[in-house]
Amino acid sequence: MLKITVQNSNGSPKVRLDGKLAGEWVGEFDKVCQSLCCGKAARDLTLDLSGVTFVDGEGKKLLSDLLDRGATLKEPQLLVKYIIDEIRAGR
């Protein structure tokens, strides 16, 4: 299960995730991001992954895409930081 909380202030959306970014929830998170970015760069999008406890392969691909498009990470937990470092090393 994944809880997705969107906060939109001053045109700079922030998305907080709590739970597992896996399975069907990856698609739901992607839909949220698509609606916030409308297909353009994600440089104004801030991702708060401090509540994420697990990321599967598809979740890693989505995070990699968002980072490539300019999304910003806000203080990820150690596990998520490791996953993000792994994604960046694989580029």
N, C-alpha and C. Protein backbone atom coordinates (compact mmCIF):
# COMPACT_ATOMS: atom_id res chain seq x y z
N MET A 1 0.84 -1.18 0.00
CA MET A 1 0.00 0.00 0.00
C MET A 1 0.89 1.24 0.00
N LEU A 2 0.39 2.28 -0.67
CA LEU A 2 1.13 3.53 -0.77
C LEU A 2 0.17 4.69 -0.57
N LYS A 3 0.56 5.59 0.30
CA LYS A 3 -0.21 6.82 0.51
C LYS A 3 0.50 7.93 -0.25
N ILE A 4 -0.24 8.62 -1.10
CA ILE A 4 0.31 9.71 -1.91
C ILE A 4 -0.36 11.00 -1.46
N THR A 5 0.44 11.94 -0.98
CA THR A 5 -0.09 13.23 -0.53
C THR A 5 0.52 14.32 -1.40
N VAL A 6 -0.35 15.13 -2.01
CA VAL A 6 0.11 16.22 -2.88
C VAL A 6 -0.15 17.54 -2.19
N GLN A 7 0.88 18.36 -2.18
CA GLN A 7 0.79 19.71 -1.64
C GLN A 7 1.26 20.63 -2.75
N ASN A 8 0.41 21.58 -3.15
CA ASN A 8 0.76 22.47 -4.24
C ASN A 8 0.73 23.90 -3.76
N SER A 9 1.92 24.47 -3.54
CA SER A 9 1.99 25.84 -3.09
C SER A 9 2.89 26.64 -4.02
N ASN A 10 2.42 27.79 -4.41
CA ASN A 10 3.17 28.68 -5.29
C ASN A 10 3.57 28.03 -6.60
N GLY A 11 2.74 27.11 -7.11
CA GLY A 11 3.02 26.46 -8.39
C GLY A 11 4.14 25.44 -8.35
N SER A 12 4.64 25.12 -7.18
CA SER A 12 5.69 24.12 -7.03
C SER A 12 5.15 22.94 -6.25
N PRO A 13 4.69 21.90 -6.96
CA PRO A 13 4.09 20.76 -6.27
C PRO A 13 5.09 19.92 -5.49
N LYS A 14 4.63 19.42 -4.36
CA LYS A 14 5.41 18.53 -3.51
C LYS A 14 4.57 17.27 -3.31
N VAL A 15 5.20 16.12 -3.52
CA VAL A 15 4.51 14.85 -3.36
C VAL A 15 5.21 14.06 -2.27
N ARG A 16 4.46 13.66 -1.26
CA ARG A 16 5.00 12.84 -0.19
C ARG A 16 4.45 11.42 -0.35
N LEU A 17 5.35 10.45 -0.27
CA LEU A 17 4.96 9.05 -0.36
C LEU A 17 5.21 8.37 0.98
N ASP A 18 4.25 7.53 1.37
CA ASP A 18 4.38 6.72 2.58
C ASP A 18 3.97 5.30 2.24
N GLY A 19 4.90 4.37 2.45
CA GLY A 19 4.60 2.97 2.18
C GLY A 19 5.50 2.40 1.11
N LYS A 20 4.96 1.44 0.33
CA LYS A 20 5.74 0.72 -0.67
C LYS A 20 5.44 1.24 -2.07
N LEU A 21 6.49 1.66 -2.77
CA LEU A 21 6.36 2.08 -4.16
C LEU A 21 6.60 0.83 -5.00
N ALA A 22 5.53 0.07 -5.18
CA ALA A 22 5.64 -1.23 -5.83
C ALA A 22 4.30 -1.61 -6.45
N GLY A 23 4.37 -2.52 -7.44
CA GLY A 23 3.16 -3.05 -8.05
C GLY A 23 2.28 -1.98 -8.65
N GLU A 24 0.98 -2.11 -8.42
CA GLU A 24 0.00 -1.18 -9.00
C GLU A 24 0.19 0.25 -8.51
N TRP A 25 0.85 0.43 -7.37
CA TRP A 25 1.03 1.77 -6.81
C TRP A 25 2.01 2.61 -7.63
N VAL A 26 2.91 1.95 -8.35
CA VAL A 26 3.83 2.69 -9.22
C VAL A 26 3.02 3.42 -10.30
N GLY A 27 2.05 2.73 -10.88
CA GLY A 27 1.19 3.34 -11.89
C GLY A 27 0.37 4.49 -11.33
N GLU A 28 -0.12 4.34 -10.11
CA GLU A 28 -0.89 5.42 -9.49
C GLU A 28 -0.01 6.64 -9.23
N PHE A 29 1.20 6.40 -8.75
CA PHE A 29 2.14 7.50 -8.51
C PHE A 29 2.50 8.19 -9.83
N ASP A 30 2.69 7.39 -10.87
CA ASP A 30 2.99 7.94 -12.20
C ASP A 30 1.86 8.84 -12.68
N LYS A 31 0.62 8.41 -12.49
CA LYS A 31 -0.54 9.23 -12.90
C LYS A 31 -0.54 10.58 -12.17
N VAL A 32 -0.24 10.54 -10.89
CA VAL A 32 -0.19 11.79 -10.11
C VAL A 32 0.88 12.71 -10.67
N CYS A 33 2.06 12.15 -10.92
CA CYS A 33 3.17 12.96 -11.44
C CYS A 33 2.84 13.51 -12.82
N GLN A 34 2.22 12.70 -13.66
CA GLN A 34 1.84 13.16 -15.00
C GLN A 34 0.87 14.32 -14.92
N SER A 35 -0.08 14.24 -14.01
CA SER A 35 -1.07 15.32 -13.88
C SER A 35 -0.43 16.60 -13.34
N LEU A 36 0.58 16.46 -12.50
CA LEU A 36 1.25 17.63 -11.94
C LEU A 36 2.22 18.27 -12.93
N CYS A 37 2.86 17.44 -13.76
CA CYS A 37 3.88 17.95 -14.69
C CYS A 37 3.32 18.18 -16.09
N CYS A 38 2.19 17.57 -16.39
CA CYS A 38 1.55 17.70 -17.72
C CYS A 38 2.52 17.37 -18.85
N GLY A 39 3.37 16.35 -18.65
CA GLY A 39 4.28 15.91 -19.69
C GLY A 39 5.54 16.75 -19.86
N LYS A 40 5.66 17.83 -19.12
CA LYS A 40 6.86 18.66 -19.26
C LYS A 40 7.88 18.30 -18.19
N ALA A 41 8.95 19.06 -18.13
CA ALA A 41 10.00 18.81 -17.15
C ALA A 41 9.44 18.80 -15.74
N ALA A 42 10.05 17.99 -14.90
CA ALA A 42 9.59 17.84 -13.52
C ALA A 42 10.43 18.68 -12.57
N ARG A 43 11.14 19.69 -13.08
CA ARG A 43 12.09 20.43 -12.25
C ARG A 43 11.43 21.17 -11.09
N ASP A 44 10.14 21.46 -11.19
CA ASP A 44 9.44 22.13 -10.09
C ASP A 44 8.85 21.15 -9.09
N LEU A 45 8.98 19.86 -9.38
CA LEU A 45 8.38 18.82 -8.54
C LEU A 45 9.37 18.38 -7.45
N THR A 46 8.91 18.41 -6.20
CA THR A 46 9.72 17.94 -5.08
C THR A 46 9.11 16.64 -4.57
N LEU A 47 9.95 15.63 -4.39
CA LEU A 47 9.52 14.33 -3.91
C LEU A 47 10.02 14.13 -2.49
N ASP A 48 9.09 13.89 -1.58
CA ASP A 48 9.43 13.57 -0.20
C ASP A 48 9.25 12.07 -0.04
N LEU A 49 10.35 11.35 -0.03
CA LEU A 49 10.31 9.90 0.05
C LEU A 49 10.67 9.39 1.44
N SER A 50 10.58 10.26 2.42
CA SER A 50 11.00 9.88 3.78
C SER A 50 10.13 8.78 4.37
N GLY A 51 8.94 8.58 3.84
CA GLY A 51 8.06 7.55 4.37
C GLY A 51 8.04 6.28 3.54
N VAL A 52 8.91 6.19 2.52
CA VAL A 52 8.95 5.01 1.65
C VAL A 52 9.74 3.90 2.34
N THR A 53 9.16 2.69 2.33
CA THR A 53 9.80 1.55 2.99
C THR A 53 10.33 0.51 2.01
N PHE A 54 9.91 0.60 0.73
CA PHE A 54 10.34 -0.38 -0.27
C PHE A 54 10.08 0.20 -1.65
N VAL A 55 10.98 -0.10 -2.60
CA VAL A 55 10.82 0.31 -3.99
C VAL A 55 11.14 -0.89 -4.88
N ASP A 56 10.20 -1.29 -5.75
CA ASP A 56 10.48 -2.41 -6.66
C ASP A 56 11.14 -1.89 -7.94
N GLY A 57 11.38 -2.77 -8.89
CA GLY A 57 12.06 -2.41 -10.13
C GLY A 57 11.34 -1.33 -10.92
N GLU A 58 10.03 -1.44 -11.05
CA GLU A 58 9.25 -0.44 -11.78
C GLU A 58 9.27 0.90 -11.06
N GLY A 59 9.25 0.85 -9.74
CA GLY A 59 9.33 2.08 -8.95
C GLY A 59 10.68 2.76 -9.16
N LYS A 60 11.75 1.97 -9.25
CA LYS A 60 13.07 2.52 -9.51
C LYS A 60 13.12 3.19 -10.87
N LYS A 61 12.49 2.55 -11.87
CA LYS A 61 12.47 3.14 -13.22
C LYS A 61 11.74 4.47 -13.21
N LEU A 62 10.62 4.54 -12.51
CA LEU A 62 9.86 5.78 -12.46
C LEU A 62 10.65 6.88 -11.73
N LEU A 63 11.27 6.54 -10.62
CA LEU A 63 12.08 7.52 -9.90
C LEU A 63 13.24 8.00 -10.77
N SER A 64 13.86 7.08 -11.49
CA SER A 64 14.96 7.45 -12.38
C SER A 64 14.48 8.43 -13.44
N ASP A 65 13.31 8.16 -14.02
CA ASP A 65 12.74 9.06 -15.03
C ASP A 65 12.46 10.44 -14.44
N LEU A 66 11.87 10.48 -13.26
CA LEU A 66 11.56 11.76 -12.62
C LEU A 66 12.82 12.55 -12.30
N LEU A 67 13.86 11.86 -11.85
CA LEU A 67 15.13 12.53 -11.56
C LEU A 67 15.77 13.05 -12.84
N ASP A 68 15.68 12.26 -13.92
CA ASP A 68 16.21 12.69 -15.21
C ASP A 68 15.49 13.95 -15.71
N ARG A 69 14.21 14.05 -15.38
CA ARG A 69 13.41 15.20 -15.81
C ARG A 69 13.54 16.39 -14.87
N GLY A 70 14.34 16.25 -13.81
CA GLY A 70 14.64 17.38 -12.96
C GLY A 70 13.95 17.44 -11.61
N ALA A 71 13.23 16.39 -11.24
CA ALA A 71 12.57 16.38 -9.93
C ALA A 71 13.62 16.46 -8.83
N THR A 72 13.23 17.02 -7.69
CA THR A 72 14.11 17.19 -6.55
C THR A 72 13.68 16.25 -5.43
N LEU A 73 14.66 15.67 -4.76
CA LEU A 73 14.38 14.79 -3.62
C LEU A 73 14.52 15.57 -2.33
N LYS A 74 13.62 15.31 -1.40
CA LYS A 74 13.69 15.93 -0.08
C LYS A 74 13.99 14.86 0.96
N GLU A 75 15.16 14.91 1.52
CA GLU A 75 15.57 14.10 2.66
C GLU A 75 15.07 12.66 2.67
N PRO A 76 15.54 11.83 1.73
CA PRO A 76 15.11 10.43 1.75
C PRO A 76 15.75 9.67 2.91
N GLN A 77 15.08 8.61 3.36
CA GLN A 77 15.64 7.74 4.39
C GLN A 77 16.83 7.00 3.81
N LEU A 78 17.59 6.35 4.65
CA LEU A 78 18.79 5.66 4.23
C LEU A 78 18.51 4.63 3.12
N LEU A 79 17.46 3.83 3.27
CA LEU A 79 17.13 2.83 2.26
C LEU A 79 16.86 3.49 0.91
N VAL A 80 16.05 4.54 0.90
CA VAL A 80 15.71 5.21 -0.34
C VAL A 80 16.94 5.92 -0.90
N LYS A 81 17.76 6.49 -0.04
CA LYS A 81 19.00 7.13 -0.49
C LYS A 81 19.87 6.11 -1.19
N TYR A 82 19.98 4.93 -0.65
CA TYR A 82 20.75 3.85 -1.28
C TYR A 82 20.18 3.53 -2.66
N ILE A 83 18.87 3.42 -2.76
CA ILE A 83 18.22 3.10 -4.03
C ILE A 83 18.47 4.22 -5.05
N ILE A 84 18.35 5.47 -4.62
CA ILE A 84 18.60 6.60 -5.52
C ILE A 84 20.06 6.60 -5.96
N ASP A 85 20.99 6.35 -5.06
CA ASP A 85 22.41 6.28 -5.43
C ASP A 85 22.64 5.16 -6.44
N GLU A 86 21.96 4.03 -6.24
CA GLU A 86 22.04 2.90 -7.15
C GLU A 86 21.52 3.28 -8.55
N ILE A 87 20.40 4.01 -8.58
CA ILE A 87 19.82 4.47 -9.84
C ILE A 87 20.81 5.40 -10.56
N ARG A 88 21.35 6.35 -9.84
CA ARG A 88 22.27 7.32 -10.44
C ARG A 88 23.55 6.64 -10.93
N ALA A 89 24.03 5.64 -10.22
CA ALA A 89 25.25 4.93 -10.63
C ALA A 89 25.01 4.13 -11.90
N GLY A 90 23.78 3.71 -12.12
CA GLY A 90 23.44 2.90 -13.29
C GLY A 90 23.24 3.69 -14.57
N ARG A 91 23.30 4.99 -14.50
CA ARG A 91 23.08 5.84 -15.69
C ARG A 91 24.26 5.79 -16.61
